Amino acid sequence: MKAIRVEEVGGPDVMRLVDVEEPALKPNEIRVRIHAIGVNFIDTYHRGGLYKLPMPTGIGQEFAGVVEAIGERVTRFQIGDRVASGTAPVGAYAETHTLLETRAVHVPQAISFDVAASAMLKGMTARYLLRKTFRVKRGDVVVIHAAAGGVGQIAVQWAKHLGAIVIAVVGSDAKAEIATALGADHVIVQARDDIAKRVGEITNGEGAHVVYDGVGKDTFMASIDSLRPLGMMVSYGNASGPAPEFSPLLLAQKGSLFLTRPTLNHYTASVADLDETAADLFEVIGLGAVKIAPPTRYALADAVQAHRDLEARKTTGSLVLVP
C-alpha cells in the first residue's frame, strides 16, 4: 500500500509517499480501506518533533473508511461497516490502516466520509472541551481562539447551541466574517485588537467564564487576562508554539483561576467514553446544530503542501487527504 512515512523530524518536506507492507492483522484489530484522512495540527507536532515519536514513523490519526478485514476476536464491527477514528495509532496517512477495534466508531449513513474524517478529531475535541473540561451552560461567556479553524468552527456552533455568549478570536477580517456567520456574538481580530481589553469591554469588566486556547504561545497570557475570578483557562493546543512557563502563583494573583492542559485521548480512553463522545458529535451534526463545511481536499501525494498551507494559516475549516 501507499503511505506517508517520516524518517526524521523537520518541516513538511520530511514526509515521503512510499510503498509499505500492510501489518499482519491481530485478533482484536480491524483493517480499514481509507476514503478520507483528516489533517490536523497534532500531525505537524509529530512531524516536527514537538510530540516525540520513534523514527521512522507513519503520521496521522484521523480517518474514515470501510472495514475490509477483521480479526478473529472482533465483535464491534463487520466487513463493510463504515467507520472512523480520531484517536487511531499514527499511520492514517495511507491507503489502509490497521487498528484496535476499540479505537474506531460506526459512522451513520447520513454522514459522508469527508465530513467524518474532517470532524472526528476536531469535533470530539470540541465535545470534551465544551461538555467535560468546562461544562458550558446557558449564559456562560466563552472565548474561543482560532474560531475560523477546524476545532473553532465546530466549537462556536456547539457553544451557541448550548446557549453560551461566544467571543470568537480570529486572525483576519475574512476569518471574522466566518466566525460571525457561524453565530459568534462578538469577534476579535487578534492582529488588530488587544484581546484581553476587548473581552473586558464586551463583558463590562467581568471577564469570561472560560477561554479555549488552541494557539499557545502567542495568546496564552492574553487568555489568562481575559478571565473573570474563578474562571478556567483551557490550553489545548500549540499552533503558535508551546505556552510559556510561569509560576502557579500567577493564577492566584489573577483571580484564583483554574488552568488545565487536556488531551482528547484521556477523554476517550474507554470504549464507553469514545462511543459517547462520537455519538454526541454525530447527534449535533444530524440536528443541524453543527454544520461541517466541506473540507479542502488534497491528494495523499500532496500531504507536504497540505501541511505547508495549514501551518501558514492559509486555510479555514478542515483539510482532508484522499488516497
Protein backbone atom coordinates (compact mmCIF):
# COMPACT_ATOMS: atom_id res chain seq x y z
CA MET A 1 0.00 0.00 0.00
CA LYS A 2 0.97 3.64 -0.37
CA ALA A 3 1.63 5.54 2.86
CA ILE A 4 3.37 8.65 4.11
CA ARG A 5 6.49 7.99 6.16
CA VAL A 6 8.70 10.36 8.16
CA GLU A 7 12.36 9.36 8.55
CA GLU A 8 13.42 12.33 10.70
CA VAL A 9 11.75 15.29 12.38
CA GLY A 10 11.57 18.53 10.45
CA GLY A 11 9.42 20.61 8.12
CA PRO A 12 6.78 19.35 5.70
CA ASP A 13 9.42 18.14 3.23
CA VAL A 14 10.44 15.26 5.52
CA MET A 15 7.23 13.45 4.58
CA ARG A 16 7.57 10.88 1.78
CA LEU A 17 4.95 8.81 -0.02
CA VAL A 18 6.30 5.27 -0.20
CA ASP A 19 5.23 1.67 -0.66
CA VAL A 20 4.91 -0.25 2.62
CA GLU A 21 3.61 -3.67 3.60
CA GLU A 22 0.34 -3.93 5.47
CA PRO A 23 0.90 -5.23 9.01
CA ALA A 24 -0.42 -8.64 9.98
CA LEU A 25 -3.92 -8.43 11.41
CA LYS A 26 -4.11 -9.26 15.13
CA PRO A 27 -7.19 -10.98 16.63
CA ASN A 28 -8.66 -7.75 18.07
CA GLU A 29 -7.86 -5.47 15.13
CA ILE A 30 -9.66 -4.23 12.03
CA ARG A 31 -8.21 -3.12 8.70
CA VAL A 32 -9.89 -0.14 7.07
CA ARG A 33 -9.78 0.90 3.43
CA ILE A 34 -9.42 4.65 3.85
CA HIS A 35 -11.63 7.07 1.91
CA ALA A 36 -10.56 10.33 3.60
CA ILE A 37 -7.87 11.37 6.10
CA GLY A 38 -8.10 14.34 8.45
CA VAL A 39 -5.14 16.75 8.57
CA ASN A 40 -4.55 18.27 12.00
CA PHE A 41 -2.05 20.39 13.90
CA ILE A 42 -1.12 17.38 16.02
CA ASP A 43 0.23 15.82 12.82
CA THR A 44 2.60 18.76 12.45
CA TYR A 45 3.66 18.35 16.10
CA HIS A 46 4.50 14.68 15.42
CA ARG A 47 6.30 15.52 12.18
CA GLY A 48 8.20 18.44 13.68
CA GLY A 49 9.21 16.71 16.91
CA LEU A 50 7.19 18.75 19.44
CA TYR A 51 5.48 15.48 20.36
CA LYS A 52 8.18 12.81 20.18
CA LEU A 53 7.68 9.64 18.14
CA PRO A 54 10.16 6.85 17.39
CA MET A 55 11.60 7.32 13.91
CA PRO A 56 10.90 6.32 11.22
CA THR A 57 7.15 6.66 11.68
CA GLY A 58 3.82 6.93 9.98
CA ILE A 59 1.72 10.00 10.61
CA GLY A 60 -1.95 10.90 11.03
CA GLN A 61 -4.60 9.68 13.48
CA GLU A 62 -7.92 10.69 11.89
CA PHE A 63 -9.65 8.93 9.02
CA ALA A 64 -12.89 7.47 7.70
CA GLY A 65 -13.42 4.46 5.50
CA VAL A 66 -14.80 0.94 5.20
CA VAL A 67 -13.78 -2.16 7.17
CA GLU A 68 -12.16 -4.63 4.76
CA ALA A 69 -10.85 -7.22 7.24
CA ILE A 70 -11.44 -8.15 10.88
CA GLY A 71 -9.51 -10.17 13.43
CA GLU A 72 -11.00 -13.37 14.79
CA ARG A 73 -11.96 -11.81 18.13
CA VAL A 74 -13.53 -8.63 16.76
CA THR A 75 -17.11 -8.06 17.92
CA ARG A 76 -17.75 -4.33 17.34
CA PHE A 77 -17.55 -4.38 13.53
CA GLN A 78 -18.20 -6.44 10.43
CA ILE A 79 -16.63 -6.28 6.99
CA GLY A 80 -18.30 -3.49 5.04
CA ASP A 81 -19.06 -1.27 8.05
CA ARG A 82 -18.49 2.45 7.67
CA VAL A 83 -16.11 3.55 10.41
CA ALA A 84 -13.98 6.46 11.52
CA SER A 85 -11.41 7.30 14.17
CA GLY A 86 -9.84 10.43 15.56
CA THR A 87 -7.58 8.65 18.05
CA ALA A 88 -6.06 5.89 15.94
CA PRO A 89 -2.39 4.94 16.22
CA VAL A 90 -0.27 7.13 13.97
CA GLY A 91 -0.21 5.94 10.37
CA ALA A 92 -3.54 7.09 8.95
CA TYR A 93 -1.84 8.93 6.05
CA ALA A 94 -2.18 5.77 3.97
CA GLU A 95 -4.43 3.75 1.70
CA THR A 96 -5.35 1.38 4.55
CA HIS A 97 -4.93 1.48 8.30
CA THR A 98 -4.97 -1.29 10.91
CA LEU A 99 -6.06 -0.54 14.46
CA LEU A 100 -7.73 -1.97 17.56
CA GLU A 101 -11.48 -2.24 17.20
CA THR A 102 -11.81 -0.21 20.41
CA ARG A 103 -10.35 2.88 18.70
CA ALA A 104 -12.95 3.12 15.93
CA VAL A 105 -16.63 4.08 15.86
CA HIS A 106 -19.52 3.46 13.50
CA VAL A 107 -20.34 6.29 11.07
CA PRO A 108 -24.03 6.95 10.29
CA GLN A 109 -25.02 6.59 6.65
CA ALA A 110 -26.10 10.24 6.53
CA ILE A 111 -22.55 11.46 7.21
CA SER A 112 -20.07 11.42 4.33
CA PHE A 113 -16.54 10.08 4.65
CA ASP A 114 -15.12 13.58 4.04
CA VAL A 115 -17.20 15.03 6.86
CA ALA A 116 -16.44 12.14 9.21
CA ALA A 117 -12.70 12.33 8.51
CA SER A 118 -12.63 16.09 8.97
CA ALA A 119 -14.88 16.16 12.04
CA MET A 120 -13.84 13.24 14.22
CA LEU A 121 -10.77 14.62 15.96
CA LYS A 122 -11.88 18.24 15.83
CA GLY A 123 -15.49 17.50 16.72
CA MET A 124 -14.66 15.15 19.57
CA THR A 125 -12.17 17.74 20.80
CA ALA A 126 -14.89 20.40 20.78
CA ARG A 127 -17.20 17.99 22.58
CA TYR A 128 -14.88 17.24 25.50
CA LEU A 129 -13.90 20.91 25.79
CA LEU A 130 -17.49 22.13 25.95
CA ARG A 131 -19.16 19.22 27.75
CA LYS A 132 -16.46 17.78 30.00
CA THR A 133 -13.44 20.03 30.65
CA PHE A 134 -15.66 23.03 31.34
CA ARG A 135 -19.34 22.16 31.06
CA VAL A 136 -20.78 25.15 29.24
CA LYS A 137 -24.26 26.21 30.24
CA ARG A 138 -26.69 28.87 29.05
CA GLY A 139 -25.40 32.38 29.66
CA ASP A 140 -21.74 31.47 30.11
CA VAL A 141 -19.26 33.79 28.40
CA VAL A 142 -16.78 31.71 26.43
CA VAL A 143 -13.76 32.86 24.43
CA ILE A 144 -12.79 30.61 21.53
CA HIS A 145 -9.43 31.19 19.85
CA ALA A 146 -8.80 30.27 16.20
CA ALA A 147 -12.56 30.39 15.76
CA ALA A 148 -12.37 30.03 11.98
CA GLY A 149 -10.23 26.89 12.21
CA GLY A 150 -11.36 23.29 12.31
CA VAL A 151 -12.00 22.93 16.05
CA GLY A 152 -13.02 26.56 16.34
CA GLN A 153 -15.80 26.41 13.77
CA ILE A 154 -17.36 23.41 15.48
CA ALA A 155 -16.88 24.85 18.97
CA VAL A 156 -18.51 28.20 18.08
CA GLN A 157 -21.62 26.50 16.74
CA TRP A 158 -21.84 23.99 19.56
CA ALA A 159 -21.35 26.65 22.24
CA LYS A 160 -24.16 28.70 20.71
CA HIS A 161 -26.34 25.58 20.64
CA LEU A 162 -25.71 25.31 24.40
CA GLY A 163 -26.78 28.92 24.94
CA ALA A 164 -23.38 30.48 25.57
CA ILE A 165 -22.29 34.02 24.76
CA VAL A 166 -19.45 33.41 22.32
CA ILE A 167 -16.47 35.71 21.84
CA ALA A 168 -14.52 34.47 18.83
CA VAL A 169 -10.86 35.34 18.29
CA VAL A 170 -9.59 35.14 14.70
CA GLY A 171 -6.57 36.18 12.67
CA SER A 172 -8.10 38.33 9.94
CA ASP A 173 -11.19 40.21 8.81
CA ALA A 174 -12.01 37.43 6.35
CA LYS A 175 -11.96 34.92 9.19
CA ALA A 176 -14.04 37.30 11.30
CA GLU A 177 -16.78 37.03 8.69
CA ILE A 178 -16.68 33.25 9.02
CA ALA A 179 -16.97 33.39 12.81
CA THR A 180 -19.87 35.83 12.60
CA ALA A 181 -21.67 33.62 10.10
CA LEU A 182 -21.27 30.68 12.48
CA GLY A 183 -23.12 32.59 15.19
CA ALA A 184 -20.40 34.22 17.30
CA ASP A 185 -21.81 37.11 19.35
CA HIS A 186 -18.57 39.11 19.24
CA VAL A 187 -15.43 38.78 17.14
CA ILE A 188 -11.91 39.94 18.00
CA VAL A 189 -9.23 40.18 15.30
CA GLN A 190 -6.01 39.17 17.01
CA ALA A 191 -3.68 41.17 14.75
CA ARG A 192 -5.53 44.41 15.41
CA ASP A 193 -7.19 44.18 18.81
CA ASP A 194 -5.96 43.87 22.38
CA ILE A 195 -7.69 40.58 23.20
CA ALA A 196 -7.98 40.93 26.97
CA LYS A 197 -9.01 44.57 26.75
CA ARG A 198 -11.77 43.77 24.24
CA VAL A 199 -13.04 40.87 26.33
CA GLY A 200 -13.20 43.24 29.30
CA GLU A 201 -15.14 45.80 27.27
CA ILE A 202 -17.57 43.19 25.95
CA THR A 203 -18.22 41.79 29.45
CA ASN A 204 -18.39 45.14 31.26
CA GLY A 205 -15.18 44.36 33.09
CA GLU A 206 -16.23 40.94 34.36
CA GLY A 207 -14.24 38.71 32.01
CA ALA A 208 -15.04 35.31 30.55
CA HIS A 209 -16.04 32.17 32.40
CA VAL A 210 -13.73 30.07 30.20
CA VAL A 211 -11.16 30.55 27.46
CA TYR A 212 -10.48 27.76 24.98
CA ASP A 213 -7.00 28.39 23.61
CA GLY A 214 -5.50 26.11 20.99
CA VAL A 215 -2.98 28.69 19.81
CA GLY A 216 -0.50 28.53 22.68
CA LYS A 217 2.49 30.85 22.95
CA ASP A 218 1.10 33.89 21.11
CA THR A 219 -2.17 34.12 23.06
CA PHE A 220 -1.57 32.42 26.40
CA MET A 221 -1.16 35.50 28.61
CA ALA A 222 -3.95 37.37 26.82
CA SER A 223 -6.20 34.39 27.53
CA ILE A 224 -5.28 34.42 31.23
CA ASP A 225 -6.03 38.14 31.36
CA SER A 226 -9.43 37.59 29.70
CA LEU A 227 -10.82 35.53 32.59
CA ARG A 228 -13.01 36.56 35.49
CA PRO A 229 -12.11 35.40 39.01
CA LEU A 230 -12.50 31.62 39.31
CA GLY A 231 -12.52 31.35 35.51
CA MET A 232 -10.91 28.47 33.66
CA MET A 233 -8.09 28.62 31.15
CA VAL A 234 -8.20 25.61 28.82
CA SER A 235 -4.92 25.38 26.91
CA TYR A 236 -5.46 22.55 24.46
CA GLY A 237 -3.06 23.26 21.59
CA ASN A 238 0.21 24.80 20.46
CA ALA A 239 -0.44 26.20 16.97
CA SER A 240 2.00 29.09 17.59
CA GLY A 241 4.34 27.09 19.83
CA PRO A 242 4.24 25.84 23.43
CA ALA A 243 2.74 28.09 26.09
CA PRO A 244 5.30 29.98 28.19
CA GLU A 245 6.39 28.76 31.59
CA PHE A 246 5.00 30.66 34.57
CA SER A 247 4.62 30.44 38.33
CA PRO A 248 1.38 28.91 39.64
CA LEU A 249 1.18 31.95 41.92
CA LEU A 250 0.09 33.90 38.86
CA LEU A 251 -3.23 32.04 38.90
CA ALA A 252 -3.90 33.31 42.41
CA GLN A 253 -2.91 36.85 41.50
CA LYS A 254 -5.25 36.84 38.52
CA GLY A 255 -8.28 35.71 40.49
CA SER A 256 -7.82 32.12 41.75
CA LEU A 257 -8.01 30.87 38.18
CA PHE A 258 -8.14 27.28 37.03
CA LEU A 259 -5.74 26.03 34.35
CA THR A 260 -5.88 22.72 32.52
CA ARG A 261 -3.98 21.21 29.60
CA PRO A 262 -6.28 18.42 28.37
CA THR A 263 -5.92 15.93 25.52
CA LEU A 264 -8.57 14.01 23.62
CA ASN A 265 -7.00 10.63 24.36
CA HIS A 266 -7.67 10.98 28.08
CA TYR A 267 -11.32 11.88 27.46
CA THR A 268 -11.87 8.90 25.13
CA ALA A 269 -9.67 6.32 26.86
CA SER A 270 -12.51 3.85 27.45
CA VAL A 271 -14.75 2.42 24.75
CA ALA A 272 -17.79 3.82 26.57
CA ASP A 273 -16.33 7.34 26.61
CA LEU A 274 -15.29 7.10 22.96
CA ASP A 275 -18.73 5.93 21.84
CA GLU A 276 -20.47 8.57 23.96
CA THR A 277 -18.26 11.35 22.60
CA ALA A 278 -18.75 10.30 18.97
CA ALA A 279 -22.49 9.82 19.45
CA ASP A 280 -22.87 13.34 20.84
CA LEU A 281 -20.92 14.72 17.88
CA PHE A 282 -22.95 12.85 15.28
CA GLU A 283 -26.15 13.93 17.05
CA VAL A 284 -25.44 17.68 16.85
CA ILE A 285 -24.37 17.27 13.23
CA GLY A 286 -27.56 15.34 12.49
CA LEU A 287 -29.68 18.02 14.18
CA GLY A 288 -28.02 20.70 12.08
CA ALA A 289 -26.83 22.49 15.22
CA VAL A 290 -23.27 22.00 14.00
CA LYS A 291 -22.70 22.27 10.27
CA ILE A 292 -19.44 20.93 8.91
CA ALA A 293 -18.25 22.89 5.91
CA PRO A 294 -16.97 20.74 3.03
CA PRO A 295 -13.26 20.28 3.77
CA THR A 296 -10.47 21.36 1.47
CA ARG A 297 -9.28 18.22 -0.34
CA TYR A 298 -5.70 17.27 -1.18
CA ALA A 299 -4.41 14.07 -2.73
CA LEU A 300 -2.45 11.87 -0.34
CA ALA A 301 0.58 12.55 -2.53
CA ASP A 302 0.16 16.28 -1.76
CA ALA A 303 0.44 15.92 2.04
CA VAL A 304 3.51 18.20 2.05
CA GLN A 305 1.51 21.06 0.55
CA ALA A 306 -1.38 20.44 2.94
CA HIS A 307 0.97 20.84 5.91
CA ARG A 308 2.51 23.97 4.42
CA ASP A 309 -0.90 25.55 3.98
CA LEU A 310 -2.06 24.53 7.45
CA GLU A 311 1.00 25.92 9.22
CA ALA A 312 0.91 29.14 7.19
CA ARG A 313 -2.69 29.70 8.37
CA LYS A 314 -3.80 29.87 4.73
CA THR A 315 -6.77 27.60 5.35
CA THR A 316 -10.14 27.85 7.05
CA GLY A 317 -12.11 24.91 8.31
CA SER A 318 -10.79 21.41 7.78
CA LEU A 319 -8.40 19.67 5.40
CA VAL A 320 -8.55 16.07 4.19
CA LEU A 321 -6.20 13.89 2.21
CA VAL A 322 -7.72 11.49 -0.31
CA PRO A 323 -5.79 8.29 -1.14
